[in-house]
Amino acid sequence: MMMMMIHEQETQKPWFPIERKCFNLLQQSQLHGRFSLLQIHAFMLRHAIETNVQIFTKFLVFSASAVGIGYARKLFDQRTHREDSFLCNSIIKAYLETRQYPDSLSLYRDLRKETCFAPDNFTFTTLTKSCTLSMCVHEGSQLHSQILRSGFCADMYVSTGVVDMYAKFGKMGFARNVFDEMPQRSEVSWTALICGYAKSGELDVASKLFDEMPEVK
């Protein structure tokens, strides 16, 4: 929902009444499931509303949960222009939320090869979580390299995800390096590193970091 709000602010394009009606129908469809979504899809096709990226993306997200990620992916693949960051991030996150972590990573690779999709902080935050939950160590290291090249290592949320990823992998040297280079840290960043050291058996280091952690105001 946060991505939806940001995307609306960036586009600043007024909607036609028929588009607003479709959006409202999608809001209501959460209560009615599969059949309602299929009806709305027919409505979208009839009125050529699929060209509205925000509405199409919302439909895609609801489809993934109500009908299945396979159906949502089929709709996504049929789309001519797939490089919109909001659209791509949403389908990547849908794979994460349906626990199909390797598929989120393979989709990302395909998008980078086949489209002009430019990953952002939302993309990398989602993908680091996918690597962490699937324990994809090699893919996680590759992803970190891409984050460094893309300049998103300064983003607190992205770097926190990388710290947590390396900590879960047991690669505490890498986790500590990323943590030390963060221009800004959150309680989550500190906790990820502390838990990583504790899990690795380095209790003295974990205790020392806990004492150094700033108090939450």
N, C-alpha and C. Protein backbone atom coordinates (compact mmCIF):
# COMPACT_ATOMS: atom_id res chain seq x y z
N MET A 1 0.83 -1.21 0.00
CA MET A 1 0.00 0.00 0.00
C MET A 1 0.86 1.26 0.00
N MET A 2 2.00 1.23 0.72
CA MET A 2 2.90 2.36 0.72
C MET A 2 3.45 2.63 -0.67
N MET A 3 3.81 1.55 -1.39
CA MET A 3 4.31 1.73 -2.75
C MET A 3 3.23 2.34 -3.63
N MET A 4 1.98 1.94 -3.43
CA MET A 4 0.86 2.49 -4.20
C MET A 4 0.75 3.99 -4.00
N MET A 5 0.86 4.44 -2.74
CA MET A 5 0.75 5.87 -2.44
C MET A 5 1.88 6.66 -3.08
N ILE A 6 3.10 6.11 -3.00
CA ILE A 6 4.25 6.80 -3.58
C ILE A 6 4.11 6.88 -5.08
N HIS A 7 3.65 5.80 -5.69
CA HIS A 7 3.51 5.78 -7.15
C HIS A 7 2.45 6.78 -7.60
N GLU A 8 1.37 6.89 -6.87
CA GLU A 8 0.33 7.86 -7.22
C GLU A 8 0.88 9.28 -7.15
N GLN A 9 1.69 9.56 -6.12
CA GLN A 9 2.26 10.89 -5.97
C GLN A 9 3.21 11.21 -7.12
N GLU A 10 3.94 10.19 -7.60
CA GLU A 10 4.91 10.41 -8.66
C GLU A 10 4.24 10.64 -10.01
N THR A 11 3.15 9.92 -10.28
CA THR A 11 2.51 10.03 -11.59
C THR A 11 1.68 11.29 -11.72
N GLN A 12 0.92 11.64 -10.67
CA GLN A 12 0.11 12.85 -10.68
C GLN A 12 -0.80 12.93 -11.91
N LYS A 13 -1.26 11.81 -12.39
CA LYS A 13 -2.13 11.78 -13.56
C LYS A 13 -3.56 11.53 -13.11
N PRO A 14 -4.50 12.43 -13.43
CA PRO A 14 -5.88 12.24 -12.99
C PRO A 14 -6.52 11.02 -13.65
N TRP A 15 -7.37 10.35 -12.91
CA TRP A 15 -8.04 9.17 -13.43
C TRP A 15 -9.38 9.54 -14.04
N PHE A 16 -9.77 8.76 -15.05
CA PHE A 16 -11.12 8.90 -15.61
C PHE A 16 -12.10 8.25 -14.64
N PRO A 17 -13.37 8.64 -14.66
CA PRO A 17 -14.37 8.05 -13.76
C PRO A 17 -14.43 6.53 -13.85
N ILE A 18 -14.27 5.98 -15.06
CA ILE A 18 -14.35 4.53 -15.23
C ILE A 18 -13.17 3.85 -14.54
N GLU A 19 -12.01 4.53 -14.52
CA GLU A 19 -10.84 3.98 -13.84
C GLU A 19 -11.04 4.00 -12.33
N ARG A 20 -11.61 5.09 -11.83
CA ARG A 20 -11.89 5.19 -10.40
C ARG A 20 -12.90 4.13 -9.98
N LYS A 21 -13.88 3.89 -10.83
CA LYS A 21 -14.88 2.86 -10.53
C LYS A 21 -14.22 1.49 -10.44
N CYS A 22 -13.33 1.21 -11.37
CA CYS A 22 -12.63 -0.08 -11.37
C CYS A 22 -11.78 -0.23 -10.12
N PHE A 23 -11.11 0.84 -9.73
CA PHE A 23 -10.27 0.80 -8.53
C PHE A 23 -11.13 0.50 -7.30
N ASN A 24 -12.28 1.13 -7.21
CA ASN A 24 -13.19 0.89 -6.08
C ASN A 24 -13.69 -0.55 -6.08
N LEU A 25 -13.95 -1.10 -7.27
CA LEU A 25 -14.37 -2.50 -7.37
C LEU A 25 -13.27 -3.43 -6.87
N LEU A 26 -12.04 -3.08 -7.19
CA LEU A 26 -10.91 -3.89 -6.72
C LEU A 26 -10.80 -3.85 -5.20
N GLN A 27 -11.06 -2.69 -4.62
CA GLN A 27 -11.03 -2.57 -3.16
C GLN A 27 -12.06 -3.50 -2.54
N GLN A 28 -13.24 -3.56 -3.14
CA GLN A 28 -14.32 -4.40 -2.62
C GLN A 28 -14.07 -5.88 -2.88
N SER A 29 -13.31 -6.18 -3.95
CA SER A 29 -13.11 -7.57 -4.35
C SER A 29 -12.34 -8.37 -3.31
N GLN A 30 -11.62 -7.69 -2.42
CA GLN A 30 -10.89 -8.40 -1.38
C GLN A 30 -11.83 -9.24 -0.52
N LEU A 31 -13.08 -8.84 -0.46
CA LEU A 31 -14.05 -9.53 0.37
C LEU A 31 -14.71 -10.70 -0.35
N HIS A 32 -14.56 -10.75 -1.68
CA HIS A 32 -15.32 -11.73 -2.45
C HIS A 32 -14.47 -12.77 -3.18
N GLY A 33 -13.18 -12.57 -3.26
CA GLY A 33 -12.29 -13.59 -3.78
C GLY A 33 -12.24 -13.76 -5.27
N ARG A 34 -11.99 -15.00 -5.69
CA ARG A 34 -11.66 -15.34 -7.07
C ARG A 34 -12.69 -14.90 -8.08
N PHE A 35 -13.96 -15.25 -7.87
CA PHE A 35 -14.99 -14.96 -8.87
C PHE A 35 -15.10 -13.47 -9.13
N SER A 36 -15.06 -12.68 -8.07
CA SER A 36 -15.15 -11.23 -8.22
C SER A 36 -13.98 -10.68 -9.02
N LEU A 37 -12.77 -11.20 -8.78
CA LEU A 37 -11.59 -10.73 -9.50
C LEU A 37 -11.69 -11.04 -10.99
N LEU A 38 -12.17 -12.22 -11.32
CA LEU A 38 -12.30 -12.58 -12.73
C LEU A 38 -13.32 -11.70 -13.43
N GLN A 39 -14.38 -11.34 -12.72
CA GLN A 39 -15.37 -10.41 -13.29
C GLN A 39 -14.74 -9.04 -13.53
N ILE A 40 -13.94 -8.60 -12.57
CA ILE A 40 -13.29 -7.29 -12.71
C ILE A 40 -12.29 -7.31 -13.86
N HIS A 41 -11.62 -8.44 -14.04
CA HIS A 41 -10.68 -8.53 -15.17
C HIS A 41 -11.42 -8.37 -16.50
N ALA A 42 -12.57 -8.98 -16.60
CA ALA A 42 -13.38 -8.83 -17.81
C ALA A 42 -13.79 -7.37 -18.00
N PHE A 43 -14.12 -6.71 -16.89
CA PHE A 43 -14.50 -5.30 -16.92
C PHE A 43 -13.32 -4.45 -17.40
N MET A 44 -12.12 -4.77 -16.92
CA MET A 44 -10.93 -4.03 -17.31
C MET A 44 -10.63 -4.19 -18.80
N LEU A 45 -10.78 -5.41 -19.30
CA LEU A 45 -10.54 -5.66 -20.72
C LEU A 45 -11.56 -4.94 -21.59
N ARG A 46 -12.79 -4.95 -21.14
CA ARG A 46 -13.87 -4.33 -21.92
C ARG A 46 -13.68 -2.83 -22.04
N HIS A 47 -13.14 -2.21 -21.00
CA HIS A 47 -12.98 -0.75 -21.00
C HIS A 47 -11.52 -0.31 -21.18
N ALA A 48 -10.65 -1.25 -21.56
CA ALA A 48 -9.24 -0.95 -21.84
C ALA A 48 -8.55 -0.25 -20.66
N ILE A 49 -8.83 -0.73 -19.46
CA ILE A 49 -8.27 -0.11 -18.25
C ILE A 49 -6.91 -0.71 -17.89
N GLU A 50 -6.53 -1.80 -18.54
CA GLU A 50 -5.26 -2.44 -18.21
C GLU A 50 -4.06 -1.52 -18.47
N THR A 51 -4.27 -0.47 -19.26
CA THR A 51 -3.17 0.46 -19.53
C THR A 51 -2.83 1.31 -18.31
N ASN A 52 -3.75 1.40 -17.35
CA ASN A 52 -3.48 2.12 -16.10
C ASN A 52 -2.63 1.22 -15.21
N VAL A 53 -1.36 1.56 -15.06
CA VAL A 53 -0.41 0.70 -14.35
C VAL A 53 -0.82 0.50 -12.89
N GLN A 54 -1.30 1.54 -12.25
CA GLN A 54 -1.67 1.43 -10.83
C GLN A 54 -2.82 0.44 -10.63
N ILE A 55 -3.84 0.55 -11.48
CA ILE A 55 -4.98 -0.35 -11.36
C ILE A 55 -4.58 -1.78 -11.73
N PHE A 56 -3.83 -1.92 -12.82
CA PHE A 56 -3.40 -3.25 -13.24
C PHE A 56 -2.55 -3.91 -12.16
N THR A 57 -1.69 -3.14 -11.52
CA THR A 57 -0.83 -3.69 -10.48
C THR A 57 -1.64 -4.13 -9.27
N LYS A 58 -2.61 -3.32 -8.89
CA LYS A 58 -3.47 -3.69 -7.77
C LYS A 58 -4.23 -4.98 -8.09
N PHE A 59 -4.71 -5.08 -9.33
CA PHE A 59 -5.40 -6.30 -9.77
C PHE A 59 -4.46 -7.50 -9.71
N LEU A 60 -3.22 -7.28 -10.11
CA LEU A 60 -2.23 -8.35 -10.11
C LEU A 60 -1.97 -8.86 -8.69
N VAL A 61 -1.84 -7.94 -7.75
CA VAL A 61 -1.56 -8.31 -6.36
C VAL A 61 -2.73 -9.10 -5.77
N PHE A 62 -3.96 -8.64 -6.01
CA PHE A 62 -5.12 -9.36 -5.50
C PHE A 62 -5.25 -10.73 -6.17
N SER A 63 -4.90 -10.80 -7.45
CA SER A 63 -4.97 -12.06 -8.18
C SER A 63 -4.01 -13.09 -7.58
N ALA A 64 -2.83 -12.62 -7.20
CA ALA A 64 -1.83 -13.53 -6.64
C ALA A 64 -2.33 -14.19 -5.36
N SER A 65 -3.08 -13.44 -4.55
CA SER A 65 -3.56 -13.99 -3.28
C SER A 65 -4.88 -14.75 -3.44
N ALA A 66 -5.76 -14.28 -4.32
CA ALA A 66 -7.09 -14.89 -4.44
C ALA A 66 -7.13 -16.05 -5.44
N VAL A 67 -6.40 -15.92 -6.54
CA VAL A 67 -6.43 -16.95 -7.58
C VAL A 67 -5.15 -17.78 -7.56
N GLY A 68 -4.03 -17.12 -7.42
CA GLY A 68 -2.75 -17.83 -7.39
C GLY A 68 -1.67 -17.03 -8.09
N ILE A 69 -0.44 -17.21 -7.64
CA ILE A 69 0.67 -16.46 -8.20
C ILE A 69 0.90 -16.83 -9.67
N GLY A 70 0.57 -18.06 -10.04
CA GLY A 70 0.73 -18.49 -11.43
C GLY A 70 -0.14 -17.69 -12.37
N TYR A 71 -1.37 -17.43 -11.95
CA TYR A 71 -2.31 -16.63 -12.75
C TYR A 71 -1.81 -15.20 -12.85
N ALA A 72 -1.33 -14.66 -11.73
CA ALA A 72 -0.81 -13.29 -11.73
C ALA A 72 0.41 -13.18 -12.63
N ARG A 73 1.28 -14.17 -12.60
CA ARG A 73 2.48 -14.14 -13.43
C ARG A 73 2.11 -14.22 -14.92
N LYS A 74 1.11 -15.00 -15.24
CA LYS A 74 0.67 -15.11 -16.64
C LYS A 74 0.19 -13.76 -17.15
N LEU A 75 -0.58 -13.05 -16.33
CA LEU A 75 -1.05 -11.71 -16.71
C LEU A 75 0.13 -10.76 -16.88
N PHE A 76 1.07 -10.87 -15.97
CA PHE A 76 2.26 -10.01 -16.02
C PHE A 76 3.06 -10.25 -17.30
N ASP A 77 3.28 -11.52 -17.63
CA ASP A 77 4.08 -11.86 -18.81
C ASP A 77 3.41 -11.44 -20.11
N GLN A 78 2.09 -11.36 -20.10
CA GLN A 78 1.36 -10.97 -21.31
C GLN A 78 1.40 -9.47 -21.56
N ARG A 79 1.85 -8.73 -20.58
CA ARG A 79 1.89 -7.28 -20.72
C ARG A 79 3.06 -6.86 -21.61
N THR A 80 2.80 -5.93 -22.51
CA THR A 80 3.83 -5.49 -23.46
C THR A 80 4.95 -4.73 -22.77
N HIS A 81 4.57 -3.76 -21.95
CA HIS A 81 5.56 -2.95 -21.24
C HIS A 81 5.58 -3.37 -19.77
N ARG A 82 6.69 -3.96 -19.35
CA ARG A 82 6.77 -4.51 -18.00
C ARG A 82 7.85 -3.87 -17.15
N GLU A 83 8.41 -2.75 -17.62
CA GLU A 83 9.55 -2.18 -16.92
C GLU A 83 9.18 -1.22 -15.79
N ASP A 84 7.88 -0.92 -15.62
CA ASP A 84 7.47 0.00 -14.56
C ASP A 84 7.89 -0.55 -13.20
N SER A 85 8.59 0.26 -12.42
CA SER A 85 9.15 -0.21 -11.15
C SER A 85 8.07 -0.63 -10.15
N PHE A 86 6.97 0.11 -10.12
CA PHE A 86 5.88 -0.22 -9.20
C PHE A 86 5.29 -1.59 -9.54
N LEU A 87 5.09 -1.83 -10.83
CA LEU A 87 4.54 -3.11 -11.29
C LEU A 87 5.51 -4.25 -10.98
N CYS A 88 6.77 -4.07 -11.34
CA CYS A 88 7.77 -5.13 -11.15
C CYS A 88 7.98 -5.44 -9.67
N ASN A 89 8.08 -4.40 -8.86
CA ASN A 89 8.28 -4.62 -7.42
C ASN A 89 7.11 -5.37 -6.81
N SER A 90 5.91 -5.10 -7.31
CA SER A 90 4.72 -5.74 -6.75
C SER A 90 4.68 -7.23 -7.05
N ILE A 91 5.04 -7.63 -8.27
CA ILE A 91 5.01 -9.05 -8.61
C ILE A 91 6.17 -9.79 -7.94
N ILE A 92 7.32 -9.11 -7.80
CA ILE A 92 8.44 -9.71 -7.08
C ILE A 92 8.06 -9.95 -5.61
N LYS A 93 7.40 -8.95 -5.02
CA LYS A 93 6.97 -9.09 -3.62
C LYS A 93 5.89 -10.15 -3.47
N ALA A 94 5.05 -10.31 -4.50
CA ALA A 94 4.00 -11.34 -4.45
C ALA A 94 4.62 -12.73 -4.34
N TYR A 95 5.73 -12.94 -5.03
CA TYR A 95 6.43 -14.22 -4.90
C TYR A 95 6.97 -14.40 -3.48
N LEU A 96 7.48 -13.32 -2.92
CA LEU A 96 7.98 -13.38 -1.54
C LEU A 96 6.86 -13.74 -0.58
N GLU A 97 5.72 -13.09 -0.73
CA GLU A 97 4.61 -13.29 0.20
C GLU A 97 3.95 -14.65 0.04
N THR A 98 4.13 -15.30 -1.13
CA THR A 98 3.61 -16.66 -1.31
C THR A 98 4.71 -17.70 -1.06
N ARG A 99 5.83 -17.24 -0.50
CA ARG A 99 6.95 -18.09 -0.08
C ARG A 99 7.63 -18.81 -1.24
N GLN A 100 7.53 -18.25 -2.42
CA GLN A 100 8.23 -18.81 -3.58
C GLN A 100 9.48 -17.95 -3.82
N TYR A 101 10.39 -18.05 -2.88
CA TYR A 101 11.55 -17.16 -2.85
C TYR A 101 12.46 -17.27 -4.08
N PRO A 102 12.83 -18.48 -4.52
CA PRO A 102 13.68 -18.57 -5.71
C PRO A 102 13.04 -17.95 -6.95
N ASP A 103 11.71 -18.02 -7.03
CA ASP A 103 11.02 -17.46 -8.19
C ASP A 103 11.10 -15.93 -8.21
N SER A 104 11.12 -15.33 -7.03
CA SER A 104 11.26 -13.87 -6.99
C SER A 104 12.63 -13.46 -7.52
N LEU A 105 13.64 -14.26 -7.22
CA LEU A 105 15.00 -13.98 -7.68
C LEU A 105 15.15 -14.22 -9.18
N SER A 106 14.54 -15.31 -9.67
CA SER A 106 14.64 -15.61 -11.10
C SER A 106 13.87 -14.59 -11.93
N LEU A 107 12.73 -14.12 -11.41
CA LEU A 107 11.97 -13.08 -12.11
C LEU A 107 12.80 -11.80 -12.21
N TYR A 108 13.46 -11.46 -11.13
CA TYR A 108 14.31 -10.27 -11.13
C TYR A 108 15.40 -10.38 -12.20
N ARG A 109 16.04 -11.54 -12.29
CA ARG A 109 17.08 -11.74 -13.29
C ARG A 109 16.51 -11.62 -14.70
N ASP A 110 15.33 -12.19 -14.91
CA ASP A 110 14.69 -12.12 -16.24
C ASP A 110 14.36 -10.68 -16.61
N LEU A 111 13.86 -9.93 -15.65
CA LEU A 111 13.50 -8.53 -15.92
C LEU A 111 14.72 -7.71 -16.28
N ARG A 112 15.83 -7.98 -15.62
CA ARG A 112 17.06 -7.25 -15.90
C ARG A 112 17.59 -7.56 -17.30
N LYS A 113 17.35 -8.78 -17.75
CA LYS A 113 17.83 -9.19 -19.07
C LYS A 113 16.89 -8.72 -20.19
N GLU A 114 15.58 -8.77 -19.92
CA GLU A 114 14.60 -8.61 -20.99
C GLU A 114 13.97 -7.22 -21.07
N THR A 115 14.08 -6.43 -20.01
CA THR A 115 13.42 -5.12 -19.99
C THR A 115 14.39 -4.03 -19.52
N CYS A 116 13.87 -2.81 -19.47
CA CYS A 116 14.66 -1.67 -18.97
C CYS A 116 14.40 -1.42 -17.49
N PHE A 117 13.87 -2.42 -16.80
CA PHE A 117 13.55 -2.28 -15.39
C PHE A 117 14.77 -1.86 -14.58
N ALA A 118 14.62 -0.79 -13.82
CA ALA A 118 15.70 -0.30 -12.95
C ALA A 118 15.32 -0.57 -11.50
N PRO A 119 16.03 -1.46 -10.80
CA PRO A 119 15.69 -1.78 -9.41
C PRO A 119 15.88 -0.58 -8.50
N ASP A 120 15.07 -0.51 -7.45
CA ASP A 120 15.18 0.57 -6.48
C ASP A 120 15.28 -0.01 -5.07
N ASN A 121 15.12 0.84 -4.07
CA ASN A 121 15.26 0.36 -2.70
C ASN A 121 14.19 -0.66 -2.32
N PHE A 122 12.98 -0.52 -2.87
CA PHE A 122 11.94 -1.52 -2.61
C PHE A 122 12.35 -2.88 -3.18
N THR A 123 12.91 -2.86 -4.39
CA THR A 123 13.34 -4.10 -5.04
C THR A 123 14.37 -4.83 -4.19
N PHE A 124 15.41 -4.11 -3.80
CA PHE A 124 16.52 -4.74 -3.08
C PHE A 124 16.11 -5.19 -1.68
N THR A 125 15.23 -4.45 -1.04
CA THR A 125 14.75 -4.86 0.29
C THR A 125 13.99 -6.18 0.20
N THR A 126 13.16 -6.31 -0.84
CA THR A 126 12.41 -7.55 -1.04
C THR A 126 13.32 -8.71 -1.38
N LEU A 127 14.27 -8.48 -2.27
CA LEU A 127 15.15 -9.56 -2.72
C LEU A 127 16.10 -10.04 -1.64
N THR A 128 16.60 -9.14 -0.81
CA THR A 128 17.47 -9.58 0.29
C THR A 128 16.69 -10.47 1.26
N LYS A 129 15.42 -10.15 1.44
CA LYS A 129 14.59 -10.99 2.31
C LYS A 129 14.37 -12.36 1.69
N SER A 130 14.18 -12.39 0.36
CA SER A 130 14.02 -13.67 -0.34
C SER A 130 15.27 -14.53 -0.19
N CYS A 131 16.44 -13.91 -0.36
CA CYS A 131 17.70 -14.63 -0.20
C CYS A 131 17.85 -15.16 1.22
N THR A 132 17.48 -14.33 2.18
CA THR A 132 17.60 -14.71 3.59
C THR A 132 16.71 -15.90 3.92
N LEU A 133 15.45 -15.83 3.52
CA LEU A 133 14.49 -16.87 3.87
C LEU A 133 14.75 -18.18 3.13
N SER A 134 15.37 -18.10 1.95
CA SER A 134 15.67 -19.31 1.18
C SER A 134 17.10 -19.78 1.39
N MET A 135 17.87 -19.01 2.18
CA MET A 135 19.28 -19.32 2.45
C MET A 135 20.08 -19.46 1.16
N CYS A 136 19.80 -18.57 0.22
CA CYS A 136 20.53 -18.55 -1.06
C CYS A 136 21.78 -17.69 -0.89
N VAL A 137 22.85 -18.31 -0.42
CA VAL A 137 24.07 -17.58 -0.08
C VAL A 137 24.72 -16.95 -1.31
N HIS A 138 24.88 -17.74 -2.36
CA HIS A 138 25.54 -17.24 -3.57
C HIS A 138 24.75 -16.09 -4.18
N GLU A 139 23.43 -16.28 -4.30
CA GLU A 139 22.57 -15.23 -4.86
C GLU A 139 22.60 -13.97 -3.99
N GLY A 140 22.66 -14.18 -2.67
CA GLY A 140 22.72 -13.04 -1.76
C GLY A 140 23.99 -12.22 -1.95
N SER A 141 25.11 -12.90 -2.15
CA SER A 141 26.37 -12.19 -2.39
C SER A 141 26.34 -11.42 -3.70
N GLN A 142 25.75 -12.04 -4.73
CA GLN A 142 25.62 -11.36 -6.02
C GLN A 142 24.72 -10.13 -5.89
N LEU A 143 23.65 -10.30 -5.14
CA LEU A 143 22.73 -9.19 -4.94
C LEU A 143 23.41 -8.03 -4.21
N HIS A 144 24.22 -8.35 -3.22
CA HIS A 144 24.94 -7.31 -2.49
C HIS A 144 25.86 -6.54 -3.44
N SER A 145 26.50 -7.23 -4.35
CA SER A 145 27.37 -6.56 -5.33
C SER A 145 26.57 -5.60 -6.19
N GLN A 146 25.36 -6.01 -6.57
CA GLN A 146 24.50 -5.14 -7.38
C GLN A 146 24.05 -3.92 -6.59
N ILE A 147 23.79 -4.13 -5.31
CA ILE A 147 23.39 -3.01 -4.44
C ILE A 147 24.52 -1.99 -4.35
N LEU A 148 25.73 -2.47 -4.22
CA LEU A 148 26.89 -1.57 -4.16
C LEU A 148 27.05 -0.79 -5.46
N ARG A 149 26.90 -1.48 -6.58
CA ARG A 149 27.05 -0.82 -7.88
C ARG A 149 25.93 0.18 -8.13
N SER A 150 24.75 -0.12 -7.61
CA SER A 150 23.59 0.75 -7.85
C SER A 150 23.55 1.95 -6.92
N GLY A 151 24.39 1.94 -5.88
CA GLY A 151 24.43 3.08 -4.96
C GLY A 151 23.39 3.05 -3.86
N PHE A 152 22.71 1.91 -3.68
CA PHE A 152 21.67 1.84 -2.65
C PHE A 152 22.21 1.36 -1.30
N CYS A 153 23.53 1.22 -1.20
CA CYS A 153 24.11 0.79 0.08
C CYS A 153 23.94 1.84 1.16
N ALA A 154 23.67 3.08 0.76
CA ALA A 154 23.45 4.16 1.74
C ALA A 154 22.02 4.16 2.28
N ASP A 155 21.15 3.39 1.66
CA ASP A 155 19.76 3.31 2.12
C ASP A 155 19.69 2.45 3.38
N MET A 156 19.16 2.99 4.45
CA MET A 156 19.15 2.29 5.73
C MET A 156 18.38 0.97 5.67
N TYR A 157 17.25 0.96 4.98
CA TYR A 157 16.43 -0.24 4.93
C TYR A 157 17.10 -1.33 4.10
N VAL A 158 17.70 -0.93 2.99
CA VAL A 158 18.40 -1.90 2.14
C VAL A 158 19.59 -2.50 2.89
N SER A 159 20.40 -1.64 3.50
CA SER A 159 21.59 -2.11 4.22
C SER A 159 21.22 -2.96 5.43
N THR A 160 20.13 -2.62 6.09
CA THR A 160 19.67 -3.44 7.22
C THR A 160 19.31 -4.84 6.74
N GLY A 161 18.67 -4.90 5.57
CA GLY A 161 18.34 -6.20 4.99
C GLY A 161 19.58 -7.02 4.68
N VAL A 162 20.62 -6.34 4.20
CA VAL A 162 21.88 -7.02 3.88
C VAL A 162 22.56 -7.51 5.15
N VAL A 163 22.56 -6.68 6.19
CA VAL A 163 23.14 -7.09 7.48
C VAL A 163 22.43 -8.32 8.01
N ASP A 164 21.11 -8.30 7.99
CA ASP A 164 20.32 -9.43 8.47
C ASP A 164 20.59 -10.68 7.63
N MET A 165 20.71 -10.48 6.32
CA MET A 165 20.97 -11.60 5.41
C MET A 165 22.29 -12.29 5.74
N TYR A 166 23.36 -11.50 5.83
CA TYR A 166 24.66 -12.09 6.14
C TYR A 166 24.68 -12.70 7.54
N ALA A 167 24.01 -12.06 8.48
CA ALA A 167 23.95 -12.60 9.84
C ALA A 167 23.25 -13.96 9.85
N LYS A 168 22.17 -14.08 9.09
CA LYS A 168 21.45 -15.36 9.02
C LYS A 168 22.30 -16.42 8.31
N PHE A 169 23.14 -15.98 7.38
CA PHE A 169 24.05 -16.91 6.70
C PHE A 169 25.22 -17.33 7.59
N GLY A 170 25.41 -16.62 8.70
CA GLY A 170 26.54 -16.89 9.57
C GLY A 170 27.82 -16.22 9.11
N LYS A 171 27.71 -15.31 8.16
CA LYS A 171 28.87 -14.58 7.64
C LYS A 171 28.99 -13.25 8.39
N MET A 172 29.44 -13.33 9.63
CA MET A 172 29.42 -12.17 10.50
C MET A 172 30.43 -11.09 10.10
N GLY A 173 31.52 -11.50 9.46
CA GLY A 173 32.48 -10.51 8.99
C GLY A 173 31.87 -9.59 7.95
N PHE A 174 31.12 -10.18 7.01
CA PHE A 174 30.43 -9.39 5.99
C PHE A 174 29.34 -8.53 6.62
N ALA A 175 28.59 -9.13 7.55
CA ALA A 175 27.51 -8.39 8.21
C ALA A 175 28.06 -7.18 8.95
N ARG A 176 29.18 -7.37 9.64
CA ARG A 176 29.77 -6.27 10.42
C ARG A 176 30.30 -5.16 9.50
N ASN A 177 30.90 -5.55 8.38
CA ASN A 177 31.41 -4.55 7.44
C ASN A 177 30.29 -3.66 6.91
N VAL A 178 29.17 -4.30 6.53
CA VAL A 178 28.03 -3.53 6.02
C VAL A 178 27.48 -2.62 7.11
N PHE A 179 27.36 -3.17 8.32
CA PHE A 179 26.84 -2.40 9.46
C PHE A 179 27.72 -1.19 9.75
N ASP A 180 29.03 -1.40 9.76
CA ASP A 180 29.97 -0.31 10.09
C ASP A 180 29.94 0.81 9.05
N GLU A 181 29.60 0.47 7.81
CA GLU A 181 29.59 1.47 6.74
C GLU A 181 28.25 2.18 6.59
N MET A 182 27.26 1.77 7.37
CA MET A 182 25.94 2.40 7.28
C MET A 182 25.99 3.83 7.82
N PRO A 183 25.55 4.82 7.04
CA PRO A 183 25.54 6.21 7.53
C PRO A 183 24.50 6.43 8.63
N GLN A 184 23.47 5.58 8.62
CA GLN A 184 22.41 5.68 9.63
C GLN A 184 21.94 4.27 9.97
N ARG A 185 21.73 4.02 11.26
CA ARG A 185 21.32 2.69 11.70
C ARG A 185 20.03 2.79 12.51
N SER A 186 19.25 1.73 12.46
CA SER A 186 18.01 1.67 13.23
C SER A 186 18.14 0.59 14.31
N GLU A 187 17.15 0.52 15.15
CA GLU A 187 17.14 -0.54 16.17
C GLU A 187 17.15 -1.91 15.51
N VAL A 188 16.49 -2.01 14.36
CA VAL A 188 16.45 -3.28 13.62
C VAL A 188 17.84 -3.66 13.14
N SER A 189 18.60 -2.66 12.68
CA SER A 189 19.98 -2.91 12.22
C SER A 189 20.83 -3.49 13.35
N TRP A 190 20.77 -2.83 14.50
CA TRP A 190 21.53 -3.29 15.67
C TRP A 190 21.10 -4.69 16.08
N THR A 191 19.79 -4.90 16.14
CA THR A 191 19.27 -6.20 16.58
C THR A 191 19.70 -7.32 15.66
N ALA A 192 19.68 -7.06 14.34
CA ALA A 192 20.08 -8.08 13.37
C ALA A 192 21.52 -8.51 13.60
N LEU A 193 22.39 -7.53 13.83
CA LEU A 193 23.81 -7.84 14.04
C LEU A 193 24.03 -8.55 15.37
N ILE A 194 23.39 -8.06 16.42
CA ILE A 194 23.54 -8.66 17.75
C ILE A 194 23.06 -10.12 17.75
N CYS A 195 21.90 -10.35 17.14
CA CYS A 195 21.36 -11.72 17.08
C CYS A 195 22.26 -12.64 16.26
N GLY A 196 22.85 -12.07 15.21
CA GLY A 196 23.77 -12.85 14.39
C GLY A 196 24.98 -13.32 15.17
N TYR A 197 25.57 -12.41 15.94
CA TYR A 197 26.72 -12.79 16.76
C TYR A 197 26.32 -13.80 17.83
N ALA A 198 25.17 -13.59 18.44
CA ALA A 198 24.71 -14.52 19.48
C ALA A 198 24.48 -15.91 18.91
N LYS A 199 23.88 -15.97 17.72
CA LYS A 199 23.61 -17.26 17.08
C LYS A 199 24.91 -17.95 16.68
N SER A 200 25.93 -17.14 16.34
CA SER A 200 27.22 -17.70 15.93
C SER A 200 28.08 -18.11 17.13
N GLY A 201 27.57 -17.87 18.34
CA GLY A 201 28.30 -18.26 19.53
C GLY A 201 29.25 -17.20 20.06
N GLU A 202 29.27 -16.03 19.42
CA GLU A 202 30.16 -14.95 19.87
C GLU A 202 29.40 -14.06 20.85
N LEU A 203 29.15 -14.62 22.02
CA LEU A 203 28.30 -13.95 23.00
C LEU A 203 28.93 -12.69 23.57
N ASP A 204 30.25 -12.68 23.70
CA ASP A 204 30.92 -11.48 24.23
C ASP A 204 30.74 -10.29 23.29
N VAL A 205 30.87 -10.56 21.99
CA VAL A 205 30.69 -9.49 21.00
C VAL A 205 29.24 -9.02 21.00
N ALA A 206 28.31 -9.97 21.07
CA ALA A 206 26.89 -9.64 21.10
C ALA A 206 26.56 -8.77 22.31
N SER A 207 27.12 -9.14 23.47
CA SER A 207 26.87 -8.39 24.70
C SER A 207 27.45 -6.98 24.61
N LYS A 208 28.64 -6.87 24.04
CA LYS A 208 29.29 -5.56 23.90
C LYS A 208 28.47 -4.65 22.99
N LEU A 209 27.99 -5.21 21.88
CA LEU A 209 27.17 -4.43 20.95
C LEU A 209 25.85 -4.00 21.59
N PHE A 210 25.29 -4.90 22.40
CA PHE A 210 24.04 -4.57 23.08
C PHE A 210 24.23 -3.37 24.00
N ASP A 211 25.37 -3.34 24.69
CA ASP A 211 25.67 -2.22 25.59
C ASP A 211 25.90 -0.92 24.81
N GLU A 212 26.41 -1.05 23.59
CA GLU A 212 26.70 0.13 22.77
C GLU A 212 25.47 0.64 22.02
N MET A 213 24.45 -0.19 21.91
CA MET A 213 23.27 0.18 21.13
C MET A 213 22.58 1.40 21.73
N PRO A 214 22.34 2.44 20.93
CA PRO A 214 21.67 3.64 21.45
C PRO A 214 20.26 3.31 21.95
N GLU A 215 19.84 4.02 22.97
CA GLU A 215 18.49 3.81 23.50
C GLU A 215 17.47 4.39 22.53
N VAL A 216 16.36 3.66 22.40
CA VAL A 216 15.28 4.12 21.53
C VAL A 216 14.52 5.24 22.23
N LYS A 217 14.40 6.36 21.56
CA LYS A 217 13.72 7.51 22.17
C LYS A 217 12.23 7.45 21.90
